[in-house]
């Protein structure tokens, strides 16, 4: 949108910006980040896997929750087949990126949902 010489940027439309919201401690900002990453779908998968691998347990849990929501949406009966394929591809590209056995197991479980 443009008003005279002023532009309004939809920062939630940028994946990196949305993912930065998980670094904040404010629960409202984290909920907003969660909602924004869901809209990004497959594009948010690498950043969410990175969050899962981090040492901050709250961020890791938020990353797992958002990643699960993206996979669940992609595998829903009404889901667009292209969206499902994009999420599957993004998840496969990130397979093994999690450092912990728990993270690897979680990614394997999510990949099973996408088959």
C-alpha atoms as a PDB file:
ATOM      1  CA  UNK A   1       0.000   0.000   0.000  1.00  0.00           C
ATOM      2  CA  UNK A   2       1.302   3.427  -0.802  1.00  0.00           C
ATOM      3  CA  UNK A   3       0.142   6.725   0.701  1.00  0.00           C
ATOM      4  CA  UNK A   4       1.981   9.675  -0.746  1.00  0.00           C
ATOM      5  CA  UNK A   5       5.599   8.870   0.051  1.00  0.00           C
ATOM      6  CA  UNK A   6       4.862   6.404   2.828  1.00  0.00           C
ATOM      7  CA  UNK A   7       5.044   2.661   2.308  1.00  0.00           C
ATOM      8  CA  UNK A   8       3.636   0.093   4.673  1.00  0.00           C
ATOM      9  CA  UNK A   9       5.537  -3.178   4.808  1.00  0.00           C
ATOM     10  CA  UNK A  10       3.873  -6.366   5.919  1.00  0.00           C
ATOM     11  CA  UNK A  11       6.736  -7.709   7.988  1.00  0.00           C
ATOM     12  CA  UNK A  12       4.782 -10.857   8.852  1.00  0.00           C
ATOM     13  CA  UNK A  13       5.034 -11.602   5.137  1.00  0.00           C
ATOM     14  CA  UNK A  14       8.799 -12.087   5.519  1.00  0.00           C
ATOM     15  CA  UNK A  15       9.801 -15.522   6.810  1.00  0.00           C
ATOM     16  CA  UNK A  16      12.918 -14.373   8.675  1.00  0.00           C
ATOM     17  CA  UNK A  17      11.008 -11.620  10.444  1.00  0.00           C
ATOM     18  CA  UNK A  18       8.249 -14.007  11.465  1.00  0.00           C
ATOM     19  CA  UNK A  19      10.802 -16.506  12.812  1.00  0.00           C
ATOM     20  CA  UNK A  20      12.496 -13.782  14.873  1.00  0.00           C
ATOM     21  CA  UNK A  21       9.280 -13.494  16.863  1.00  0.00           C
ATOM     22  CA  UNK A  22      10.042 -16.852  18.492  1.00  0.00           C
ATOM     23  CA  UNK A  23      13.142 -15.310  20.082  1.00  0.00           C
ATOM     24  CA  UNK A  24      11.006 -12.910  22.101  1.00  0.00           C
ATOM     25  CA  UNK A  25       9.730 -13.831  25.548  1.00  0.00           C
ATOM     26  CA  UNK A  26       6.366 -12.075  25.174  1.00  0.00           C
ATOM     27  CA  UNK A  27       3.713 -14.785  24.640  1.00  0.00           C
ATOM     28  CA  UNK A  28       1.610 -12.518  22.401  1.00  0.00           C
ATOM     29  CA  UNK A  29       4.552 -11.941  20.069  1.00  0.00           C
ATOM     30  CA  UNK A  30       5.249 -15.681  19.990  1.00  0.00           C
ATOM     31  CA  UNK A  31       1.603 -16.395  19.098  1.00  0.00           C
ATOM     32  CA  UNK A  32       1.806 -13.830  16.314  1.00  0.00           C
ATOM     33  CA  UNK A  33       5.035 -15.433  15.067  1.00  0.00           C
ATOM     34  CA  UNK A  34       3.355 -18.845  15.139  1.00  0.00           C
ATOM     35  CA  UNK A  35       0.436 -17.583  13.053  1.00  0.00           C
ATOM     36  CA  UNK A  36       2.748 -15.841  10.598  1.00  0.00           C
ATOM     37  CA  UNK A  37       4.931 -18.917  10.083  1.00  0.00           C
ATOM     38  CA  UNK A  38       1.847 -21.026   9.364  1.00  0.00           C
ATOM     39  CA  UNK A  39       1.019 -18.710   6.490  1.00  0.00           C
ATOM     40  CA  UNK A  40       4.516 -19.263   5.073  1.00  0.00           C
ATOM     41  CA  UNK A  41       4.189 -23.037   5.128  1.00  0.00           C
ATOM     42  CA  UNK A  42       7.111 -24.826   3.471  1.00  0.00           C
ATOM     43  CA  UNK A  43       9.239 -21.671   3.372  1.00  0.00           C
ATOM     44  CA  UNK A  44       9.312 -21.610   7.182  1.00  0.00           C
ATOM     45  CA  UNK A  45      10.412 -25.247   7.618  1.00  0.00           C
ATOM     46  CA  UNK A  46      14.213 -24.655   7.588  1.00  0.00           C
ATOM     47  CA  UNK A  47      13.970 -21.894  10.179  1.00  0.00           C
ATOM     48  CA  UNK A  48      11.680 -23.946  12.391  1.00  0.00           C
ATOM     49  CA  UNK A  49      14.026 -26.934  12.255  1.00  0.00           C
ATOM     50  CA  UNK A  50      16.837 -24.590  13.276  1.00  0.00           C
ATOM     51  CA  UNK A  51      14.725 -23.367  16.205  1.00  0.00           C
ATOM     52  CA  UNK A  52      14.105 -26.965  17.257  1.00  0.00           C
ATOM     53  CA  UNK A  53      17.846 -27.639  17.343  1.00  0.00           C
ATOM     54  CA  UNK A  54      18.588 -24.673  19.596  1.00  0.00           C
ATOM     55  CA  UNK A  55      19.386 -24.871  23.286  1.00  0.00           C
ATOM     56  CA  UNK A  56      16.474 -22.674  24.421  1.00  0.00           C
ATOM     57  CA  UNK A  57      13.720 -25.105  25.391  1.00  0.00           C
ATOM     58  CA  UNK A  58      10.910 -22.570  24.914  1.00  0.00           C
ATOM     59  CA  UNK A  59      12.059 -21.720  21.381  1.00  0.00           C
ATOM     60  CA  UNK A  60      12.585 -25.384  20.592  1.00  0.00           C
ATOM     61  CA  UNK A  61       9.072 -26.234  21.744  1.00  0.00           C
ATOM     62  CA  UNK A  62       7.634 -23.328  19.746  1.00  0.00           C
ATOM     63  CA  UNK A  63       9.507 -24.520  16.660  1.00  0.00           C
ATOM     64  CA  UNK A  64       8.185 -28.065  17.082  1.00  0.00           C
ATOM     65  CA  UNK A  65       4.641 -26.811  17.582  1.00  0.00           C
ATOM     66  CA  UNK A  66       4.702 -24.580  14.501  1.00  0.00           C
ATOM     67  CA  UNK A  67       6.351 -27.269  12.379  1.00  0.00           C
ATOM     68  CA  UNK A  68       3.713 -29.773  13.449  1.00  0.00           C
ATOM     69  CA  UNK A  69       0.952 -27.292  12.575  1.00  0.00           C
ATOM     70  CA  UNK A  70       2.426 -26.766   9.094  1.00  0.00           C
ATOM     71  CA  UNK A  71       2.668 -30.517   8.475  1.00  0.00           C
ATOM     72  CA  UNK A  72      -0.845 -31.080   9.849  1.00  0.00           C
ATOM     73  CA  UNK A  73      -2.249 -28.394   7.546  1.00  0.00           C
ATOM     74  CA  UNK A  74      -0.379 -29.854   4.564  1.00  0.00           C
ATOM     75  CA  UNK A  75      -1.753 -33.346   5.264  1.00  0.00           C
ATOM     76  CA  UNK A  76      -5.350 -32.304   5.907  1.00  0.00           C
ATOM     77  CA  UNK A  77      -7.929 -33.780   3.504  1.00  0.00           C
ATOM     78  CA  UNK A  78      -8.671 -30.345   2.023  1.00  0.00           C
ATOM     79  CA  UNK A  79      -4.985 -29.473   1.553  1.00  0.00           C
ATOM     80  CA  UNK A  80      -3.630 -28.420  -1.792  1.00  0.00           C
ATOM     81  CA  UNK A  81      -1.451 -31.247  -3.250  1.00  0.00           C
ATOM     82  CA  UNK A  82       1.209 -28.724  -4.318  1.00  0.00           C
ATOM     83  CA  UNK A  83       1.403 -27.379  -0.778  1.00  0.00           C
ATOM     84  CA  UNK A  84       1.772 -30.895   0.603  1.00  0.00           C
ATOM     85  CA  UNK A  85       4.548 -31.650  -1.895  1.00  0.00           C
ATOM     86  CA  UNK A  86       6.354 -28.409  -1.019  1.00  0.00           C
ATOM     87  CA  UNK A  87       6.216 -29.150   2.714  1.00  0.00           C
ATOM     88  CA  UNK A  88       7.360 -32.737   2.112  1.00  0.00           C
ATOM     89  CA  UNK A  89      10.306 -31.510   0.030  1.00  0.00           C
ATOM     90  CA  UNK A  90      11.269 -28.883   2.605  1.00  0.00           C
ATOM     91  CA  UNK A  91      11.034 -31.452   5.396  1.00  0.00           C
ATOM     92  CA  UNK A  92      13.147 -33.955   3.449  1.00  0.00           C
ATOM     93  CA  UNK A  93      15.766 -31.267   2.772  1.00  0.00           C
ATOM     94  CA  UNK A  94      16.001 -30.641   6.514  1.00  0.00           C
ATOM     95  CA  UNK A  95      16.063 -34.327   7.476  1.00  0.00           C
ATOM     96  CA  UNK A  96      19.022 -34.941   9.735  1.00  0.00           C
ATOM     97  CA  UNK A  97      19.613 -31.261  10.491  1.00  0.00           C
ATOM     98  CA  UNK A  98      18.407 -31.722  14.049  1.00  0.00           C
ATOM     99  CA  UNK A  99      21.358 -32.556  16.260  1.00  0.00           C
ATOM    100  CA  UNK A 100      19.603 -34.359  19.087  1.00  0.00           C
ATOM    101  CA  UNK A 101      18.151 -37.862  18.812  1.00  0.00           C
ATOM    102  CA  UNK A 102      14.808 -36.451  19.964  1.00  0.00           C
ATOM    103  CA  UNK A 103      14.856 -33.837  17.179  1.00  0.00           C
ATOM    104  CA  UNK A 104      15.772 -36.441  14.582  1.00  0.00           C
ATOM    105  CA  UNK A 105      12.999 -38.709  15.821  1.00  0.00           C
ATOM    106  CA  UNK A 106      10.510 -35.849  15.660  1.00  0.00           C
ATOM    107  CA  UNK A 107      11.518 -35.023  12.110  1.00  0.00           C
ATOM    108  CA  UNK A 108      11.180 -38.682  11.150  1.00  0.00           C
ATOM    109  CA  UNK A 109       7.713 -38.781  12.678  1.00  0.00           C
ATOM    110  CA  UNK A 110       6.678 -35.658  10.758  1.00  0.00           C
ATOM    111  CA  UNK A 111       8.072 -37.111   7.542  1.00  0.00           C
ATOM    112  CA  UNK A 112       5.949 -40.191   8.134  1.00  0.00           C
ATOM    113  CA  UNK A 113       2.870 -37.984   8.323  1.00  0.00           C
ATOM    114  CA  UNK A 114       3.725 -36.540   4.909  1.00  0.00           C
ATOM    115  CA  UNK A 115       3.957 -39.914   3.121  1.00  0.00           C
END
